[in-house]
Amino acid sequence: MPYLVGSTPEPLDACCDGVNQIKGMAITIDEKRQACGCVKDAANKYSNIKQDAASDLPKKCGVPLSYPVSKTIDCNT
């Protein structure tokens, strides 16, 4: 959360580990849609998350995702 709310300029290792775990668990299209939904739901629980930080998180962690981290993404597309 510190990176996502702007408290730190870079994500912590534990945060990147979480991004990596999400990517590793979501292999099929259905799993990727479910993971996308979970990320979207989690992001929407916190009003203070900065959208630019959320969008940049996979890149900052070196873990490309097949969908952007966003509060408004349509996970069915």
C-alpha atoms as a PDB file:
ATOM      1  CA  MET A   1       0.000   0.000   0.000  1.00  0.00           C
ATOM      2  CA  PRO A   2       2.759   2.569   0.656  1.00  0.00           C
ATOM      3  CA  TYR A   3       3.631   2.741  -3.055  1.00  0.00           C
ATOM      4  CA  LEU A   4       0.005   2.715  -4.191  1.00  0.00           C
ATOM      5  CA  VAL A   5      -0.931   5.687  -2.003  1.00  0.00           C
ATOM      6  CA  GLY A   6       2.235   7.654  -2.763  1.00  0.00           C
ATOM      7  CA  SER A   7       4.118   7.178   0.513  1.00  0.00           C
ATOM      8  CA  THR A   8       7.126   5.563  -1.184  1.00  0.00           C
ATOM      9  CA  PRO A   9       8.543   6.195  -4.667  1.00  0.00           C
ATOM     10  CA  GLU A  10       9.034   2.487  -5.420  1.00  0.00           C
ATOM     11  CA  PRO A  11       7.010  -0.601  -4.509  1.00  0.00           C
ATOM     12  CA  LEU A  12       8.311  -2.725  -1.658  1.00  0.00           C
ATOM     13  CA  ASP A  13       9.601  -6.238  -2.384  1.00  0.00           C
ATOM     14  CA  ALA A  14       6.560  -7.783  -0.683  1.00  0.00           C
ATOM     15  CA  CYS A  15       4.285  -5.843  -3.013  1.00  0.00           C
ATOM     16  CA  CYS A  16       6.124  -7.074  -6.091  1.00  0.00           C
ATOM     17  CA  ASP A  17       6.069 -10.609  -4.702  1.00  0.00           C
ATOM     18  CA  GLY A  18       2.281 -10.323  -4.575  1.00  0.00           C
ATOM     19  CA  VAL A  19       2.092  -9.143  -8.191  1.00  0.00           C
ATOM     20  CA  ASN A  20       4.312 -12.046  -9.210  1.00  0.00           C
ATOM     21  CA  GLN A  21       2.129 -14.524  -7.311  1.00  0.00           C
ATOM     22  CA  ILE A  22      -1.025 -13.213  -8.971  1.00  0.00           C
ATOM     23  CA  LYS A  23       0.557 -13.615 -12.395  1.00  0.00           C
ATOM     24  CA  GLY A  24       1.726 -17.146 -11.571  1.00  0.00           C
ATOM     25  CA  MET A  25      -1.708 -18.251 -10.388  1.00  0.00           C
ATOM     26  CA  ALA A  26      -3.596 -16.946 -13.421  1.00  0.00           C
ATOM     27  CA  ILE A  27      -2.740 -19.085 -16.430  1.00  0.00           C
ATOM     28  CA  THR A  28      -5.992 -19.639 -18.343  1.00  0.00           C
ATOM     29  CA  ILE A  29      -8.255 -16.887 -19.697  1.00  0.00           C
ATOM     30  CA  ASP A  30     -10.839 -17.612 -16.974  1.00  0.00           C
ATOM     31  CA  GLU A  31      -8.166 -17.455 -14.264  1.00  0.00           C
ATOM     32  CA  LYS A  32      -6.858 -14.169 -15.673  1.00  0.00           C
ATOM     33  CA  ARG A  33     -10.376 -12.723 -15.650  1.00  0.00           C
ATOM     34  CA  GLN A  34     -10.846 -13.826 -12.049  1.00  0.00           C
ATOM     35  CA  ALA A  35      -7.476 -12.382 -11.007  1.00  0.00           C
ATOM     36  CA  CYS A  36      -8.325  -9.137 -12.815  1.00  0.00           C
ATOM     37  CA  GLY A  37     -11.615  -8.973 -10.909  1.00  0.00           C
ATOM     38  CA  CYS A  38      -9.877  -9.541  -7.590  1.00  0.00           C
ATOM     39  CA  VAL A  39      -7.315  -6.817  -8.304  1.00  0.00           C
ATOM     40  CA  LYS A  40     -10.073  -4.439  -9.415  1.00  0.00           C
ATOM     41  CA  ASP A  41     -12.184  -5.176  -6.320  1.00  0.00           C
ATOM     42  CA  ALA A  42      -9.199  -4.669  -4.022  1.00  0.00           C
ATOM     43  CA  ALA A  43      -8.292  -1.376  -5.715  1.00  0.00           C
ATOM     44  CA  ASN A  44     -11.853  -0.113  -5.333  1.00  0.00           C
ATOM     45  CA  LYS A  45     -11.815  -0.733  -1.569  1.00  0.00           C
ATOM     46  CA  TYR A  46      -9.283   2.058  -1.092  1.00  0.00           C
ATOM     47  CA  SER A  47     -10.191   5.545  -2.279  1.00  0.00           C
ATOM     48  CA  ASN A  48      -6.656   6.857  -1.730  1.00  0.00           C
ATOM     49  CA  ILE A  49      -4.933   4.582  -4.268  1.00  0.00           C
ATOM     50  CA  LYS A  50      -3.267   6.640  -6.977  1.00  0.00           C
ATOM     51  CA  GLN A  51      -4.299   5.348 -10.420  1.00  0.00           C
ATOM     52  CA  ASP A  52      -0.918   6.126 -11.995  1.00  0.00           C
ATOM     53  CA  ALA A  53       0.887   4.124  -9.294  1.00  0.00           C
ATOM     54  CA  ALA A  54      -1.523   1.203  -9.727  1.00  0.00           C
ATOM     55  CA  SER A  55      -1.075   1.262 -13.509  1.00  0.00           C
ATOM     56  CA  ASP A  56       2.722   1.378 -13.189  1.00  0.00           C
ATOM     57  CA  LEU A  57       2.969  -1.334 -10.527  1.00  0.00           C
ATOM     58  CA  PRO A  58       3.515  -4.353 -12.825  1.00  0.00           C
ATOM     59  CA  LYS A  59       6.166  -2.463 -14.821  1.00  0.00           C
ATOM     60  CA  LYS A  60       7.917  -1.226 -11.666  1.00  0.00           C
ATOM     61  CA  CYS A  61       7.986  -4.808 -10.394  1.00  0.00           C
ATOM     62  CA  GLY A  62       9.185  -6.244 -13.716  1.00  0.00           C
ATOM     63  CA  VAL A  63       6.120  -8.477 -13.864  1.00  0.00           C
ATOM     64  CA  PRO A  64       4.068  -7.782 -16.993  1.00  0.00           C
ATOM     65  CA  LEU A  65       0.377  -8.591 -16.644  1.00  0.00           C
ATOM     66  CA  SER A  66      -1.968  -9.190 -19.557  1.00  0.00           C
ATOM     67  CA  TYR A  67      -4.353  -6.576 -18.148  1.00  0.00           C
ATOM     68  CA  PRO A  68      -3.793  -3.141 -16.629  1.00  0.00           C
ATOM     69  CA  VAL A  69      -4.248  -2.575 -12.911  1.00  0.00           C
ATOM     70  CA  SER A  70      -7.197  -0.221 -12.837  1.00  0.00           C
ATOM     71  CA  LYS A  71     -10.308   0.535 -10.815  1.00  0.00           C
ATOM     72  CA  THR A  72     -12.357   0.736 -13.995  1.00  0.00           C
ATOM     73  CA  ILE A  73     -11.082  -2.090 -16.210  1.00  0.00           C
ATOM     74  CA  ASP A  74     -13.626  -4.415 -17.798  1.00  0.00           C
ATOM     75  CA  CYS A  75     -12.182  -7.792 -16.837  1.00  0.00           C
ATOM     76  CA  ASN A  76     -14.442  -9.601 -19.319  1.00  0.00           C
ATOM     77  CA  THR A  77     -12.665  -8.168 -22.356  1.00  0.00           C
END
